[in-house]
Structures are given as C-alpha cells and as structure tokens.
N, C-alpha and C. Protein backbone atom coordinates (compact mmCIF):
# COMPACT_ATOMS: atom_id res chain seq x y z
N MET A 1 -10.81 -11.26 -15.92
CA MET A 1 -10.24 -12.50 -15.43
C MET A 1 -8.72 -12.35 -15.34
N CYS A 2 -8.14 -12.96 -14.33
CA CYS A 2 -6.70 -12.86 -14.12
C CYS A 2 -5.94 -13.58 -15.22
N GLN A 3 -4.89 -12.96 -15.72
CA GLN A 3 -4.13 -13.50 -16.83
C GLN A 3 -2.80 -14.12 -16.41
N ASN A 4 -2.29 -13.75 -15.26
CA ASN A 4 -1.00 -14.30 -14.85
C ASN A 4 -0.91 -14.41 -13.33
N VAL A 5 0.21 -14.95 -12.87
CA VAL A 5 0.38 -15.18 -11.44
C VAL A 5 0.30 -13.88 -10.65
N SER A 6 0.86 -12.80 -11.17
CA SER A 6 0.83 -11.55 -10.41
C SER A 6 -0.60 -11.04 -10.25
N ASP A 7 -1.47 -11.27 -11.24
CA ASP A 7 -2.87 -10.89 -11.10
C ASP A 7 -3.52 -11.67 -9.95
N TRP A 8 -3.23 -12.97 -9.88
CA TRP A 8 -3.78 -13.79 -8.79
C TRP A 8 -3.23 -13.31 -7.45
N SER A 9 -1.96 -12.98 -7.42
CA SER A 9 -1.34 -12.50 -6.19
C SER A 9 -2.01 -11.22 -5.71
N ILE A 10 -2.27 -10.30 -6.62
CA ILE A 10 -2.94 -9.05 -6.25
C ILE A 10 -4.34 -9.33 -5.73
N MET A 11 -5.07 -10.24 -6.37
CA MET A 11 -6.42 -10.57 -5.92
C MET A 11 -6.40 -11.17 -4.52
N LEU A 12 -5.45 -12.05 -4.23
CA LEU A 12 -5.35 -12.63 -2.89
C LEU A 12 -5.02 -11.56 -1.86
N ARG A 13 -4.17 -10.62 -2.23
CA ARG A 13 -3.82 -9.54 -1.31
C ARG A 13 -5.02 -8.64 -1.06
N PHE A 14 -5.81 -8.37 -2.11
CA PHE A 14 -7.04 -7.59 -1.93
C PHE A 14 -7.97 -8.29 -0.96
N ASP A 15 -8.16 -9.60 -1.15
CA ASP A 15 -9.05 -10.35 -0.27
C ASP A 15 -8.62 -10.21 1.18
N SER A 16 -7.33 -10.31 1.43
CA SER A 16 -6.81 -10.18 2.78
C SER A 16 -7.07 -8.78 3.35
N LEU A 17 -6.87 -7.76 2.52
CA LEU A 17 -7.10 -6.38 2.99
C LEU A 17 -8.58 -6.13 3.25
N TYR A 18 -9.46 -6.64 2.39
CA TYR A 18 -10.89 -6.47 2.64
C TYR A 18 -11.32 -7.22 3.89
N ASP A 19 -10.70 -8.38 4.18
CA ASP A 19 -10.96 -9.08 5.44
C ASP A 19 -10.53 -8.21 6.62
N ASP A 20 -9.39 -7.54 6.49
CA ASP A 20 -8.94 -6.62 7.54
C ASP A 20 -9.94 -5.50 7.76
N ALA A 21 -10.48 -4.96 6.68
CA ALA A 21 -11.47 -3.88 6.80
C ALA A 21 -12.69 -4.37 7.57
N VAL A 22 -13.17 -5.56 7.26
CA VAL A 22 -14.33 -6.12 7.97
C VAL A 22 -13.98 -6.29 9.45
N ARG A 23 -12.82 -6.84 9.73
CA ARG A 23 -12.38 -7.05 11.12
C ARG A 23 -12.33 -5.73 11.89
N LEU A 24 -11.91 -4.67 11.22
CA LEU A 24 -11.82 -3.35 11.86
C LEU A 24 -13.15 -2.60 11.89
N GLY A 25 -14.16 -3.13 11.22
CA GLY A 25 -15.44 -2.44 11.16
C GLY A 25 -15.40 -1.22 10.26
N VAL A 26 -14.61 -1.29 9.21
CA VAL A 26 -14.43 -0.17 8.29
C VAL A 26 -15.07 -0.51 6.94
N ARG A 27 -15.85 0.41 6.44
CA ARG A 27 -16.47 0.27 5.12
C ARG A 27 -15.51 0.84 4.07
N VAL A 28 -15.42 0.18 2.92
CA VAL A 28 -14.56 0.65 1.83
C VAL A 28 -15.45 0.95 0.63
N GLU A 29 -15.32 2.17 0.10
CA GLU A 29 -16.09 2.57 -1.08
C GLU A 29 -15.16 3.18 -2.11
N GLU A 30 -15.57 3.09 -3.36
CA GLU A 30 -14.81 3.71 -4.44
C GLU A 30 -15.66 4.78 -5.09
N ARG A 31 -15.04 5.92 -5.33
CA ARG A 31 -15.68 7.01 -6.07
C ARG A 31 -14.59 7.91 -6.61
N ARG A 32 -14.97 8.81 -7.46
CA ARG A 32 -13.99 9.75 -8.02
C ARG A 32 -13.63 10.78 -6.96
N LEU A 33 -12.33 10.83 -6.63
CA LEU A 33 -11.85 11.80 -5.66
C LEU A 33 -11.19 12.96 -6.40
N SER A 34 -11.14 14.09 -5.74
CA SER A 34 -10.63 15.29 -6.41
C SER A 34 -9.10 15.32 -6.44
N GLY A 35 -8.59 16.00 -7.44
CA GLY A 35 -7.16 16.21 -7.57
C GLY A 35 -6.38 14.92 -7.66
N SER A 36 -5.26 14.90 -6.95
CA SER A 36 -4.39 13.72 -6.99
C SER A 36 -4.58 12.82 -5.77
N VAL A 37 -5.66 13.02 -5.04
CA VAL A 37 -5.94 12.20 -3.85
C VAL A 37 -6.30 10.78 -4.30
N CYS A 38 -5.57 9.81 -3.76
CA CYS A 38 -5.82 8.39 -4.11
C CYS A 38 -6.81 7.75 -3.15
N GLY A 39 -6.76 8.19 -1.90
CA GLY A 39 -7.64 7.60 -0.91
C GLY A 39 -7.73 8.49 0.32
N TYR A 40 -8.72 8.16 1.15
CA TYR A 40 -8.94 8.96 2.35
C TYR A 40 -9.61 8.08 3.39
N TYR A 41 -9.18 8.21 4.65
CA TYR A 41 -9.85 7.54 5.76
C TYR A 41 -10.59 8.57 6.59
N TYR A 42 -11.88 8.32 6.81
CA TYR A 42 -12.72 9.22 7.60
C TYR A 42 -13.14 8.47 8.85
N ASP A 43 -12.48 8.77 9.98
CA ASP A 43 -12.67 8.00 11.21
C ASP A 43 -14.08 8.10 11.78
N ALA A 44 -14.69 9.28 11.72
CA ALA A 44 -16.03 9.46 12.30
C ALA A 44 -17.05 8.49 11.70
N CYS A 45 -16.87 8.14 10.45
CA CYS A 45 -17.79 7.22 9.76
C CYS A 45 -17.19 5.82 9.58
N ARG A 46 -15.93 5.64 10.02
CA ARG A 46 -15.22 4.37 9.80
C ARG A 46 -15.31 3.99 8.33
N LEU A 47 -14.87 4.93 7.48
CA LEU A 47 -15.02 4.81 6.04
C LEU A 47 -13.70 5.10 5.33
N ILE A 48 -13.37 4.24 4.38
CA ILE A 48 -12.24 4.48 3.49
C ILE A 48 -12.80 4.74 2.10
N LEU A 49 -12.37 5.85 1.52
CA LEU A 49 -12.73 6.16 0.13
C LEU A 49 -11.50 5.97 -0.73
N LEU A 50 -11.67 5.24 -1.83
CA LEU A 50 -10.60 5.03 -2.80
C LEU A 50 -11.01 5.65 -4.12
N ASP A 51 -10.08 6.29 -4.80
CA ASP A 51 -10.39 6.86 -6.11
C ASP A 51 -10.68 5.72 -7.09
N GLU A 52 -11.80 5.81 -7.77
CA GLU A 52 -12.23 4.75 -8.68
C GLU A 52 -11.34 4.61 -9.92
N ARG A 53 -10.48 5.60 -10.16
CA ARG A 53 -9.62 5.56 -11.35
C ARG A 53 -8.28 4.86 -11.11
N LEU A 54 -8.03 4.38 -9.92
CA LEU A 54 -6.73 3.77 -9.61
C LEU A 54 -6.55 2.43 -10.33
N ALA A 55 -5.33 2.18 -10.75
CA ALA A 55 -4.97 0.85 -11.27
C ALA A 55 -4.93 -0.11 -10.09
N ASP A 56 -4.96 -1.41 -10.37
CA ASP A 56 -5.01 -2.40 -9.28
C ASP A 56 -3.88 -2.25 -8.27
N HIS A 57 -2.64 -2.07 -8.75
CA HIS A 57 -1.53 -1.97 -7.80
C HIS A 57 -1.63 -0.68 -6.97
N GLN A 58 -2.16 0.39 -7.56
CA GLN A 58 -2.36 1.63 -6.80
C GLN A 58 -3.47 1.45 -5.77
N ARG A 59 -4.54 0.78 -6.17
CA ARG A 59 -5.66 0.53 -5.27
C ARG A 59 -5.21 -0.33 -4.09
N LEU A 60 -4.40 -1.35 -4.37
CA LEU A 60 -3.88 -2.22 -3.33
C LEU A 60 -3.07 -1.43 -2.30
N CYS A 61 -2.14 -0.62 -2.77
CA CYS A 61 -1.28 0.15 -1.88
C CYS A 61 -2.07 1.20 -1.11
N THR A 62 -3.01 1.85 -1.78
CA THR A 62 -3.81 2.87 -1.13
C THR A 62 -4.71 2.26 -0.07
N LEU A 63 -5.34 1.14 -0.39
CA LEU A 63 -6.20 0.47 0.60
C LEU A 63 -5.38 0.06 1.82
N CYS A 64 -4.23 -0.53 1.61
CA CYS A 64 -3.38 -0.92 2.73
C CYS A 64 -3.01 0.30 3.58
N HIS A 65 -2.62 1.37 2.93
CA HIS A 65 -2.24 2.62 3.61
C HIS A 65 -3.40 3.16 4.45
N GLU A 66 -4.58 3.23 3.86
CA GLU A 66 -5.73 3.78 4.58
C GLU A 66 -6.18 2.85 5.70
N LEU A 67 -6.01 1.54 5.53
CA LEU A 67 -6.34 0.61 6.61
C LEU A 67 -5.43 0.80 7.82
N VAL A 68 -4.18 1.17 7.59
CA VAL A 68 -3.29 1.46 8.72
C VAL A 68 -3.82 2.68 9.46
N HIS A 69 -4.24 3.71 8.74
CA HIS A 69 -4.86 4.87 9.41
C HIS A 69 -6.07 4.43 10.21
N ALA A 70 -6.89 3.54 9.65
CA ALA A 70 -8.08 3.06 10.35
C ALA A 70 -7.71 2.27 11.60
N GLU A 71 -6.69 1.45 11.48
CA GLU A 71 -6.25 0.64 12.61
C GLU A 71 -5.84 1.52 13.79
N TYR A 72 -5.19 2.63 13.51
CA TYR A 72 -4.73 3.54 14.55
C TYR A 72 -5.73 4.65 14.86
N ARG A 73 -6.87 4.63 14.17
CA ARG A 73 -7.93 5.62 14.36
C ARG A 73 -7.41 7.05 14.17
N ASP A 74 -6.57 7.22 13.16
CA ASP A 74 -6.02 8.54 12.85
C ASP A 74 -7.14 9.46 12.39
N VAL A 75 -7.17 10.65 12.95
CA VAL A 75 -8.22 11.61 12.61
C VAL A 75 -7.75 12.55 11.51
N SER A 76 -6.52 13.01 11.59
CA SER A 76 -6.02 13.94 10.58
C SER A 76 -4.53 13.72 10.42
N CYS A 77 -4.10 13.60 9.18
CA CYS A 77 -2.67 13.38 8.91
C CYS A 77 -2.21 14.31 7.81
N GLY A 78 -1.16 15.04 8.09
CA GLY A 78 -0.52 15.81 7.04
C GLY A 78 0.58 14.96 6.43
N PHE A 79 1.07 15.34 5.28
CA PHE A 79 2.08 14.54 4.61
C PHE A 79 3.39 14.48 5.38
N ASP A 80 3.65 15.43 6.28
CA ASP A 80 4.90 15.42 7.03
C ASP A 80 4.72 14.99 8.47
N SER A 81 3.53 14.57 8.83
CA SER A 81 3.27 14.25 10.22
C SER A 81 3.87 12.91 10.62
N ARG A 82 4.04 12.71 11.91
CA ARG A 82 4.56 11.43 12.41
C ARG A 82 3.58 10.31 12.14
N PHE A 83 2.27 10.62 12.09
CA PHE A 83 1.27 9.60 11.78
C PHE A 83 1.43 9.11 10.35
N GLU A 84 1.67 10.04 9.45
CA GLU A 84 1.84 9.67 8.04
C GLU A 84 3.12 8.86 7.85
N THR A 85 4.18 9.24 8.53
CA THR A 85 5.43 8.49 8.46
C THR A 85 5.24 7.07 8.98
N ARG A 86 4.58 6.94 10.12
CA ARG A 86 4.30 5.62 10.68
C ARG A 86 3.46 4.78 9.70
N THR A 87 2.46 5.40 9.12
CA THR A 87 1.57 4.70 8.19
C THR A 87 2.33 4.23 6.96
N ARG A 88 3.18 5.06 6.43
CA ARG A 88 3.95 4.68 5.24
C ARG A 88 4.93 3.54 5.55
N ARG A 89 5.55 3.58 6.72
CA ARG A 89 6.48 2.52 7.12
C ARG A 89 5.73 1.19 7.27
N ILE A 90 4.60 1.20 7.94
CA ILE A 90 3.82 -0.03 8.15
C ILE A 90 3.28 -0.55 6.82
N THR A 91 2.80 0.35 5.97
CA THR A 91 2.29 -0.07 4.66
C THR A 91 3.38 -0.79 3.86
N ALA A 92 4.57 -0.21 3.81
CA ALA A 92 5.67 -0.85 3.08
C ALA A 92 6.01 -2.21 3.67
N SER A 93 6.00 -2.31 5.00
CA SER A 93 6.35 -3.59 5.63
C SER A 93 5.29 -4.65 5.39
N ARG A 94 4.04 -4.25 5.23
CA ARG A 94 2.97 -5.22 4.98
C ARG A 94 2.91 -5.66 3.53
N LEU A 95 3.34 -4.81 2.62
CA LEU A 95 3.23 -5.13 1.20
C LEU A 95 4.49 -5.75 0.60
N ILE A 96 5.63 -5.56 1.26
CA ILE A 96 6.90 -6.08 0.72
C ILE A 96 7.63 -6.85 1.82
N SER A 97 7.91 -8.11 1.55
CA SER A 97 8.73 -8.88 2.49
C SER A 97 10.20 -8.68 2.13
N ASP A 98 11.07 -8.83 3.12
CA ASP A 98 12.51 -8.71 2.87
C ASP A 98 12.97 -9.71 1.81
N VAL A 99 12.45 -10.93 1.90
CA VAL A 99 12.85 -11.98 0.95
C VAL A 99 12.43 -11.60 -0.46
N ASP A 100 11.17 -11.16 -0.63
CA ASP A 100 10.69 -10.78 -1.96
C ASP A 100 11.48 -9.60 -2.52
N TYR A 101 11.77 -8.61 -1.67
CA TYR A 101 12.50 -7.45 -2.14
C TYR A 101 13.91 -7.84 -2.60
N LYS A 102 14.59 -8.61 -1.77
CA LYS A 102 15.96 -9.01 -2.12
C LYS A 102 15.98 -9.86 -3.39
N PHE A 103 15.01 -10.74 -3.54
CA PHE A 103 14.92 -11.57 -4.74
C PHE A 103 14.69 -10.69 -5.98
N ALA A 104 13.73 -9.76 -5.87
CA ALA A 104 13.41 -8.88 -7.01
C ALA A 104 14.61 -8.02 -7.38
N GLU A 105 15.30 -7.51 -6.37
CA GLU A 105 16.48 -6.68 -6.65
C GLU A 105 17.59 -7.51 -7.31
N ALA A 106 17.76 -8.75 -6.87
CA ALA A 106 18.77 -9.62 -7.48
C ALA A 106 18.41 -9.96 -8.93
N MET A 107 17.12 -10.12 -9.19
CA MET A 107 16.66 -10.48 -10.54
C MET A 107 16.62 -9.29 -11.49
N TYR A 108 16.16 -8.13 -11.00
CA TYR A 108 15.85 -7.01 -11.88
C TYR A 108 16.70 -5.76 -11.67
N GLY A 109 17.53 -5.74 -10.64
CA GLY A 109 18.34 -4.56 -10.38
C GLY A 109 17.65 -3.62 -9.41
N THR A 110 18.14 -2.39 -9.36
CA THR A 110 17.68 -1.46 -8.33
C THR A 110 16.73 -0.37 -8.83
N ASP A 111 16.37 -0.40 -10.10
CA ASP A 111 15.47 0.61 -10.65
C ASP A 111 14.11 0.55 -9.95
N VAL A 112 13.66 1.68 -9.42
CA VAL A 112 12.43 1.74 -8.63
C VAL A 112 11.22 1.29 -9.44
N TRP A 113 11.10 1.77 -10.66
CA TRP A 113 9.93 1.42 -11.47
C TRP A 113 9.91 -0.08 -11.76
N THR A 114 11.05 -0.65 -12.11
CA THR A 114 11.12 -2.08 -12.41
C THR A 114 10.78 -2.91 -11.17
N LEU A 115 11.29 -2.50 -10.02
CA LEU A 115 10.97 -3.22 -8.78
C LEU A 115 9.49 -3.10 -8.43
N SER A 116 8.91 -1.93 -8.66
CA SER A 116 7.49 -1.77 -8.36
C SER A 116 6.64 -2.68 -9.24
N GLU A 117 7.03 -2.82 -10.50
CA GLU A 117 6.33 -3.73 -11.41
C GLU A 117 6.48 -5.18 -10.94
N ALA A 118 7.69 -5.56 -10.56
CA ALA A 118 7.96 -6.94 -10.15
C ALA A 118 7.23 -7.30 -8.86
N LEU A 119 7.11 -6.34 -7.96
CA LEU A 119 6.50 -6.61 -6.66
C LEU A 119 5.02 -6.23 -6.58
N GLY A 120 4.49 -5.61 -7.63
CA GLY A 120 3.07 -5.27 -7.67
C GLY A 120 2.67 -4.16 -6.73
N VAL A 121 3.58 -3.23 -6.51
CA VAL A 121 3.30 -2.08 -5.64
C VAL A 121 3.67 -0.80 -6.37
N THR A 122 3.38 0.34 -5.77
CA THR A 122 3.72 1.62 -6.38
C THR A 122 5.19 1.96 -6.13
N CYS A 123 5.69 2.88 -6.92
CA CYS A 123 7.06 3.37 -6.72
C CYS A 123 7.22 4.00 -5.34
N ASP A 124 6.18 4.68 -4.86
CA ASP A 124 6.23 5.28 -3.52
C ASP A 124 6.47 4.22 -2.45
N VAL A 125 5.81 3.08 -2.57
CA VAL A 125 5.98 2.01 -1.58
C VAL A 125 7.41 1.46 -1.64
N ILE A 126 7.96 1.32 -2.84
CA ILE A 126 9.36 0.89 -2.97
C ILE A 126 10.28 1.89 -2.27
N GLN A 127 10.07 3.17 -2.52
CA GLN A 127 10.91 4.20 -1.90
C GLN A 127 10.74 4.21 -0.38
N ASP A 128 9.52 4.01 0.09
CA ASP A 128 9.30 3.94 1.54
C ASP A 128 9.98 2.72 2.14
N TYR A 129 9.90 1.60 1.45
CA TYR A 129 10.58 0.39 1.93
C TYR A 129 12.08 0.68 2.08
N ARG A 130 12.65 1.28 1.07
CA ARG A 130 14.08 1.59 1.12
C ARG A 130 14.41 2.56 2.25
N ALA A 131 13.58 3.57 2.43
CA ALA A 131 13.86 4.60 3.43
C ALA A 131 13.68 4.09 4.86
N PHE A 132 12.66 3.26 5.07
CA PHE A 132 12.30 2.89 6.43
C PHE A 132 12.71 1.48 6.83
N LEU A 133 12.86 0.58 5.87
CA LEU A 133 12.95 -0.83 6.24
C LEU A 133 14.16 -1.58 5.74
N SER A 134 14.70 -1.18 4.62
CA SER A 134 15.78 -2.00 4.05
C SER A 134 17.02 -1.93 4.93
N THR A 135 17.68 -3.05 5.04
CA THR A 135 18.90 -3.13 5.81
C THR A 135 20.08 -2.89 4.88
N PRO A 136 20.93 -1.93 5.22
CA PRO A 136 22.08 -1.68 4.35
C PRO A 136 22.98 -2.92 4.28
N VAL A 137 23.49 -3.18 3.11
CA VAL A 137 24.38 -4.31 2.91
C VAL A 137 25.81 -3.83 3.11
N LEU A 138 26.53 -4.51 4.00
CA LEU A 138 27.92 -4.16 4.25
C LEU A 138 28.80 -4.94 3.29
N VAL A 139 29.68 -4.24 2.60
CA VAL A 139 30.56 -4.90 1.63
C VAL A 139 31.97 -4.96 2.17
C-alpha cells in the first residue's frame, strides 16, 4: 500500500504508461533479465520485458524508455545510436516537467541523487534531462 504522496504519484504514472502500452498494442512482462539490462523492447512480438528486480522508480523510467522505442518501432538500438539518444531525450521530457525540475532544484540543490529522489526518477534520467532539455540560466 502506498505510504506517501510520491508513492501515489508513481502509481498514477504507471497507470498512464500501461495505458500507453495498451494504446500501442504492446504487451509488458516482467522477468529476470541477464546482467545489468533493465528492460528490452522486442518489436517483432510487440513486447516489452522489464527486469523483475527493479525498484519502482527504475521500473517507471525503464517502462517509459521502452515505450518510446515501441512508439517508434525501433528494431535495434546501440547505446550510442541516434535512436537511443532520441529515446533518452523523449523519456526525460515525459518524466520531468520544467516546472517540477526547477522547483526541485530550488528546494534541494543540484545534486543528481537528491533530485532523482525528489522527482521519483533515476539519476540517468536527471542527467539526460540536463544534457538534452534544461535551459541554461543566464546570470
């Protein structure tokens, strides 16, 4: 059972992502994946696999990431490919709003781990947001 507002927020975000999966005709399953793989999209089967060991915030970010691959019908993505870069940028934009990021940074500072905790996302998503989306502040 959810214990605080952030738990409810994560559950609402999951519901929205699972609705997106249904809309896209993509099945989502959880199982133990090998190595450090958090998730995988297999276009031929319209299937997303998520590692069953992920914490909720990791599962949320991974599901969003793999749904972007599904949306674009990506067949194969390397970590340095333009498809992966596009997917990471879109994932960050869907999980973090400019208003929420600026508020969290004003409240908690710029530490990546602290911001990831405050926003309910992974450190990778915070770093992607900064790299791809944040607007530099002119002083």
